[in-house]
Amino acid sequence: MVIRVFVASSSGSVAIKKRQQDVVRFLEANRIEFEEVDITMSEEKRQWMYKNIPEDRQPAQGNPLPPQIFIDDRYCGDYDSFFESKESNTVFAFLGLKPTLASKESEP
């Protein structure tokens, strides 16, 4: 199982950069292995990301913005989904991982 975070290294948006950093820092701080996929360096990877986000999760206008999170080829969500799971202390379930002792998911 590989967690992949699709990012844009050359984004001009401060908000997108902060969101990407938030996801990456959380994963690093929790020693969760992941692969960072830079969509600005590969049109093929960008198109793969666009194509594999479910239709009901696509934005009303334009293309989906990074960060986008996948486990292998299964779509997990975007930053808003990640943030909601982080706030509700269910991020390990969101990422398809076993919960840690500090998370709500580990409570009986």
N, C-alpha and C. Protein backbone atom coordinates (compact mmCIF):
# COMPACT_ATOMS: atom_id res chain seq x y z
N MET A 1 0.84 -1.18 0.00
CA MET A 1 0.00 0.00 0.00
C MET A 1 0.89 1.24 0.00
N VAL A 2 0.63 2.12 -0.94
CA VAL A 2 1.41 3.35 -1.06
C VAL A 2 0.48 4.55 -0.99
N ILE A 3 0.75 5.43 -0.04
CA ILE A 3 0.02 6.69 0.04
C ILE A 3 0.73 7.65 -0.90
N ARG A 4 -0.03 8.22 -1.81
CA ARG A 4 0.55 9.18 -2.76
C ARG A 4 -0.13 10.52 -2.61
N VAL A 5 0.67 11.55 -2.45
CA VAL A 5 0.17 12.90 -2.33
C VAL A 5 0.58 13.65 -3.59
N PHE A 6 -0.41 14.05 -4.37
CA PHE A 6 -0.15 14.80 -5.60
C PHE A 6 -0.05 16.27 -5.25
N VAL A 7 1.09 16.86 -5.60
CA VAL A 7 1.38 18.27 -5.28
C VAL A 7 1.81 19.00 -6.54
N ALA A 8 1.88 20.33 -6.42
CA ALA A 8 2.38 21.17 -7.51
C ALA A 8 3.52 22.00 -6.92
N SER A 9 4.75 21.64 -7.25
CA SER A 9 5.91 22.31 -6.66
C SER A 9 6.05 23.76 -7.10
N SER A 10 5.50 24.10 -8.24
CA SER A 10 5.66 25.46 -8.73
C SER A 10 4.35 26.24 -8.72
N SER A 11 3.50 25.94 -7.76
CA SER A 11 2.22 26.66 -7.65
C SER A 11 2.48 28.11 -7.23
N GLY A 12 1.75 29.03 -7.86
CA GLY A 12 1.86 30.43 -7.50
C GLY A 12 0.93 30.80 -6.36
N SER A 13 0.11 29.85 -5.92
CA SER A 13 -0.87 30.11 -4.88
C SER A 13 -0.30 29.79 -3.50
N VAL A 14 -0.29 30.80 -2.63
CA VAL A 14 0.19 30.60 -1.26
C VAL A 14 -0.70 29.60 -0.53
N ALA A 15 -2.01 29.67 -0.77
CA ALA A 15 -2.95 28.77 -0.10
C ALA A 15 -2.67 27.31 -0.47
N ILE A 16 -2.43 27.05 -1.75
CA ILE A 16 -2.14 25.68 -2.19
C ILE A 16 -0.83 25.21 -1.57
N LYS A 17 0.19 26.06 -1.56
CA LYS A 17 1.47 25.68 -0.96
C LYS A 17 1.30 25.33 0.52
N LYS A 18 0.53 26.13 1.25
CA LYS A 18 0.31 25.87 2.68
C LYS A 18 -0.44 24.57 2.89
N ARG A 19 -1.43 24.31 2.05
CA ARG A 19 -2.20 23.07 2.17
C ARG A 19 -1.32 21.85 1.90
N GLN A 20 -0.50 21.94 0.87
CA GLN A 20 0.42 20.84 0.55
C GLN A 20 1.38 20.60 1.71
N GLN A 21 1.93 21.67 2.25
CA GLN A 21 2.86 21.56 3.38
C GLN A 21 2.18 20.95 4.59
N ASP A 22 0.93 21.31 4.84
CA ASP A 22 0.19 20.77 5.97
C ASP A 22 0.07 19.25 5.88
N VAL A 23 -0.30 18.76 4.70
CA VAL A 23 -0.44 17.32 4.50
C VAL A 23 0.92 16.63 4.65
N VAL A 24 1.93 17.14 3.97
CA VAL A 24 3.26 16.52 4.00
C VAL A 24 3.84 16.53 5.42
N ARG A 25 3.72 17.65 6.11
CA ARG A 25 4.25 17.74 7.48
C ARG A 25 3.54 16.77 8.42
N PHE A 26 2.22 16.64 8.27
CA PHE A 26 1.49 15.70 9.12
C PHE A 26 2.01 14.28 8.90
N LEU A 27 2.14 13.89 7.64
CA LEU A 27 2.62 12.54 7.33
C LEU A 27 4.03 12.33 7.86
N GLU A 28 4.90 13.30 7.66
CA GLU A 28 6.27 13.18 8.15
C GLU A 28 6.31 13.13 9.68
N ALA A 29 5.55 13.99 10.34
CA ALA A 29 5.54 14.04 11.81
C ALA A 29 5.04 12.74 12.42
N ASN A 30 4.15 12.06 11.72
CA ASN A 30 3.59 10.80 12.21
C ASN A 30 4.32 9.58 11.64
N ARG A 31 5.42 9.86 10.96
CA ARG A 31 6.27 8.80 10.36
C ARG A 31 5.45 7.86 9.47
N ILE A 32 4.58 8.47 8.69
CA ILE A 32 3.77 7.72 7.74
C ILE A 32 4.47 7.78 6.39
N GLU A 33 4.77 6.63 5.84
CA GLU A 33 5.45 6.59 4.55
C GLU A 33 4.50 7.04 3.45
N PHE A 34 5.02 7.84 2.54
CA PHE A 34 4.22 8.34 1.44
C PHE A 34 5.13 8.70 0.28
N GLU A 35 4.51 8.85 -0.87
CA GLU A 35 5.22 9.26 -2.07
C GLU A 35 4.63 10.60 -2.50
N GLU A 36 5.49 11.57 -2.71
CA GLU A 36 5.06 12.88 -3.18
C GLU A 36 5.17 12.87 -4.71
N VAL A 37 4.06 13.16 -5.39
CA VAL A 37 4.03 13.14 -6.85
C VAL A 37 3.82 14.58 -7.33
N ASP A 38 4.81 15.11 -8.01
CA ASP A 38 4.76 16.49 -8.49
C ASP A 38 4.11 16.54 -9.87
N ILE A 39 2.91 17.09 -9.94
CA ILE A 39 2.19 17.13 -11.21
C ILE A 39 2.70 18.22 -12.15
N THR A 40 3.53 19.12 -11.65
CA THR A 40 4.07 20.15 -12.54
C THR A 40 5.23 19.62 -13.37
N MET A 41 5.76 18.48 -12.99
CA MET A 41 6.90 17.91 -13.69
C MET A 41 6.51 16.85 -14.71
N SER A 42 5.23 16.44 -14.70
CA SER A 42 4.82 15.36 -15.60
C SER A 42 3.36 15.53 -16.01
N GLU A 43 3.16 15.78 -17.28
CA GLU A 43 1.80 15.89 -17.81
C GLU A 43 1.06 14.56 -17.63
N GLU A 44 1.78 13.46 -17.77
CA GLU A 44 1.17 12.13 -17.60
C GLU A 44 0.63 11.95 -16.18
N LYS A 45 1.39 12.36 -15.18
CA LYS A 45 0.94 12.24 -13.78
C LYS A 45 -0.22 13.18 -13.49
N ARG A 46 -0.18 14.38 -14.07
CA ARG A 46 -1.27 15.34 -13.88
C ARG A 46 -2.56 14.77 -14.47
N GLN A 47 -2.49 14.24 -15.68
CA GLN A 47 -3.67 13.66 -16.31
C GLN A 47 -4.18 12.45 -15.54
N TRP A 48 -3.25 11.63 -15.02
CA TRP A 48 -3.66 10.46 -14.22
C TRP A 48 -4.45 10.93 -13.01
N MET A 49 -3.94 11.97 -12.32
CA MET A 49 -4.63 12.49 -11.14
C MET A 49 -6.03 12.98 -11.51
N TYR A 50 -6.13 13.79 -12.58
CA TYR A 50 -7.43 14.32 -12.99
C TYR A 50 -8.41 13.19 -13.30
N LYS A 51 -7.92 12.19 -14.01
CA LYS A 51 -8.77 11.09 -14.47
C LYS A 51 -9.24 10.19 -13.33
N ASN A 52 -8.46 10.10 -12.25
CA ASN A 52 -8.77 9.15 -11.18
C ASN A 52 -9.47 9.76 -9.98
N ILE A 53 -9.82 11.02 -10.07
CA ILE A 53 -10.66 11.63 -9.03
C ILE A 53 -12.10 11.38 -9.45
N PRO A 54 -12.90 10.75 -8.58
CA PRO A 54 -14.28 10.43 -8.95
C PRO A 54 -15.05 11.67 -9.42
N GLU A 55 -15.97 11.43 -10.33
CA GLU A 55 -16.73 12.53 -10.91
C GLU A 55 -17.45 13.37 -9.86
N ASP A 56 -17.98 12.71 -8.83
CA ASP A 56 -18.71 13.45 -7.79
C ASP A 56 -17.79 14.27 -6.89
N ARG A 57 -16.48 14.09 -7.02
CA ARG A 57 -15.51 14.85 -6.22
C ARG A 57 -14.78 15.90 -7.06
N GLN A 58 -15.15 16.01 -8.32
CA GLN A 58 -14.55 17.01 -9.21
C GLN A 58 -15.13 18.39 -8.89
N PRO A 59 -14.33 19.44 -9.04
CA PRO A 59 -14.86 20.79 -8.82
C PRO A 59 -15.88 21.16 -9.91
N ALA A 60 -16.78 22.07 -9.58
CA ALA A 60 -17.79 22.50 -10.54
C ALA A 60 -17.15 23.15 -11.76
N GLN A 61 -16.05 23.86 -11.54
CA GLN A 61 -15.34 24.52 -12.64
C GLN A 61 -13.85 24.23 -12.53
N GLY A 62 -13.21 24.11 -13.65
CA GLY A 62 -11.77 23.92 -13.68
C GLY A 62 -11.32 22.53 -13.28
N ASN A 63 -10.03 22.39 -13.08
CA ASN A 63 -9.44 21.12 -12.69
C ASN A 63 -9.27 21.04 -11.18
N PRO A 64 -9.21 19.81 -10.65
CA PRO A 64 -8.96 19.65 -9.22
C PRO A 64 -7.58 20.21 -8.86
N LEU A 65 -7.49 20.86 -7.72
CA LEU A 65 -6.23 21.44 -7.29
C LEU A 65 -5.53 20.55 -6.27
N PRO A 66 -4.20 20.56 -6.28
CA PRO A 66 -3.48 19.80 -5.27
C PRO A 66 -3.60 20.49 -3.91
N PRO A 67 -3.36 19.77 -2.84
CA PRO A 67 -2.97 18.36 -2.80
C PRO A 67 -4.18 17.43 -2.97
N GLN A 68 -3.94 16.31 -3.62
CA GLN A 68 -4.92 15.24 -3.78
C GLN A 68 -4.25 13.98 -3.24
N ILE A 69 -4.99 13.18 -2.50
CA ILE A 69 -4.41 12.03 -1.80
C ILE A 69 -5.03 10.74 -2.32
N PHE A 70 -4.16 9.79 -2.63
CA PHE A 70 -4.55 8.46 -3.11
C PHE A 70 -3.85 7.40 -2.29
N ILE A 71 -4.47 6.24 -2.17
CA ILE A 71 -3.80 5.04 -1.67
C ILE A 71 -3.76 4.10 -2.85
N ASP A 72 -2.55 3.83 -3.32
CA ASP A 72 -2.37 3.10 -4.57
C ASP A 72 -3.19 3.83 -5.64
N ASP A 73 -4.19 3.18 -6.22
CA ASP A 73 -5.00 3.83 -7.24
C ASP A 73 -6.36 4.28 -6.71
N ARG A 74 -6.58 4.15 -5.41
CA ARG A 74 -7.87 4.51 -4.81
C ARG A 74 -7.81 5.95 -4.28
N TYR A 75 -8.78 6.73 -4.69
CA TYR A 75 -8.85 8.13 -4.28
C TYR A 75 -9.30 8.24 -2.83
N CYS A 76 -8.55 9.00 -2.03
CA CYS A 76 -8.93 9.25 -0.63
C CYS A 76 -9.64 10.59 -0.51
N GLY A 77 -9.04 11.63 -1.08
CA GLY A 77 -9.67 12.93 -0.99
C GLY A 77 -8.70 14.06 -1.23
N ASP A 78 -9.24 15.26 -1.09
CA ASP A 78 -8.44 16.46 -1.28
C ASP A 78 -8.06 17.03 0.08
N TYR A 79 -7.56 18.25 0.09
CA TYR A 79 -7.14 18.85 1.35
C TYR A 79 -8.30 19.00 2.32
N ASP A 80 -9.46 19.42 1.83
CA ASP A 80 -10.60 19.62 2.73
C ASP A 80 -10.99 18.32 3.43
N SER A 81 -10.99 17.22 2.70
CA SER A 81 -11.30 15.91 3.29
C SER A 81 -10.25 15.53 4.33
N PHE A 82 -8.98 15.76 3.97
CA PHE A 82 -7.89 15.47 4.89
C PHE A 82 -8.04 16.30 6.16
N PHE A 83 -8.29 17.60 6.00
CA PHE A 83 -8.41 18.51 7.14
C PHE A 83 -9.57 18.09 8.05
N GLU A 84 -10.71 17.76 7.45
CA GLU A 84 -11.86 17.31 8.25
C GLU A 84 -11.52 16.05 9.05
N SER A 85 -10.82 15.11 8.43
CA SER A 85 -10.45 13.89 9.14
C SER A 85 -9.43 14.19 10.24
N LYS A 86 -8.55 15.14 9.98
CA LYS A 86 -7.56 15.53 10.99
C LYS A 86 -8.26 16.18 12.18
N GLU A 87 -9.21 17.06 11.89
CA GLU A 87 -9.95 17.76 12.96
C GLU A 87 -10.80 16.79 13.79
N SER A 88 -11.34 15.76 13.15
CA SER A 88 -12.18 14.80 13.87
C SER A 88 -11.35 13.63 14.41
N ASN A 89 -10.04 13.73 14.25
CA ASN A 89 -9.10 12.71 14.74
C ASN A 89 -9.37 11.33 14.14
N THR A 90 -9.71 11.32 12.84
CA THR A 90 -9.95 10.06 12.13
C THR A 90 -9.06 9.95 10.89
N VAL A 91 -7.96 10.68 10.90
CA VAL A 91 -7.10 10.73 9.71
C VAL A 91 -6.49 9.38 9.37
N PHE A 92 -6.26 8.53 10.36
CA PHE A 92 -5.68 7.22 10.06
C PHE A 92 -6.65 6.36 9.26
N ALA A 93 -7.94 6.42 9.60
CA ALA A 93 -8.95 5.70 8.81
C ALA A 93 -9.03 6.30 7.41
N PHE A 94 -8.97 7.63 7.32
CA PHE A 94 -8.99 8.32 6.03
C PHE A 94 -7.85 7.81 5.14
N LEU A 95 -6.70 7.56 5.75
CA LEU A 95 -5.53 7.09 5.01
C LEU A 95 -5.45 5.57 4.91
N GLY A 96 -6.44 4.88 5.44
CA GLY A 96 -6.46 3.42 5.36
C GLY A 96 -5.43 2.75 6.25
N LEU A 97 -5.08 3.42 7.37
CA LEU A 97 -4.07 2.90 8.28
C LEU A 97 -4.70 2.47 9.60
N LYS A 98 -3.97 1.64 10.34
CA LYS A 98 -4.42 1.27 11.68
C LYS A 98 -4.28 2.50 12.57
N PRO A 99 -5.25 2.74 13.42
CA PRO A 99 -5.19 3.92 14.29
C PRO A 99 -4.08 3.82 15.33
N THR A 100 -3.61 4.98 15.77
CA THR A 100 -2.63 5.03 16.85
C THR A 100 -3.41 5.13 18.16
N LEU A 101 -2.71 4.99 19.26
CA LEU A 101 -3.37 5.04 20.56
C LEU A 101 -4.00 6.40 20.85
N ALA A 102 -3.50 7.46 20.25
CA ALA A 102 -4.01 8.80 20.54
C ALA A 102 -5.24 9.18 19.71
N SER A 103 -5.64 8.35 18.79
CA SER A 103 -6.75 8.72 17.91
C SER A 103 -8.08 8.16 18.43
N LYS A 104 -9.17 8.81 18.06
CA LYS A 104 -10.50 8.35 18.43
C LYS A 104 -10.78 6.98 17.86
N GLU A 105 -10.15 6.67 16.74
CA GLU A 105 -10.41 5.40 16.06
C GLU A 105 -9.95 4.22 16.88
N SER A 106 -9.03 4.42 17.84
CA SER A 106 -8.50 3.32 18.61
C SER A 106 -9.35 3.06 19.87
N GLU A 107 -10.33 3.95 20.14
CA GLU A 107 -11.17 3.76 21.32
C GLU A 107 -12.14 2.61 21.08
N PRO A 108 -12.40 1.81 22.13
CA PRO A 108 -13.29 0.66 21.98
C PRO A 108 -14.73 1.06 21.73
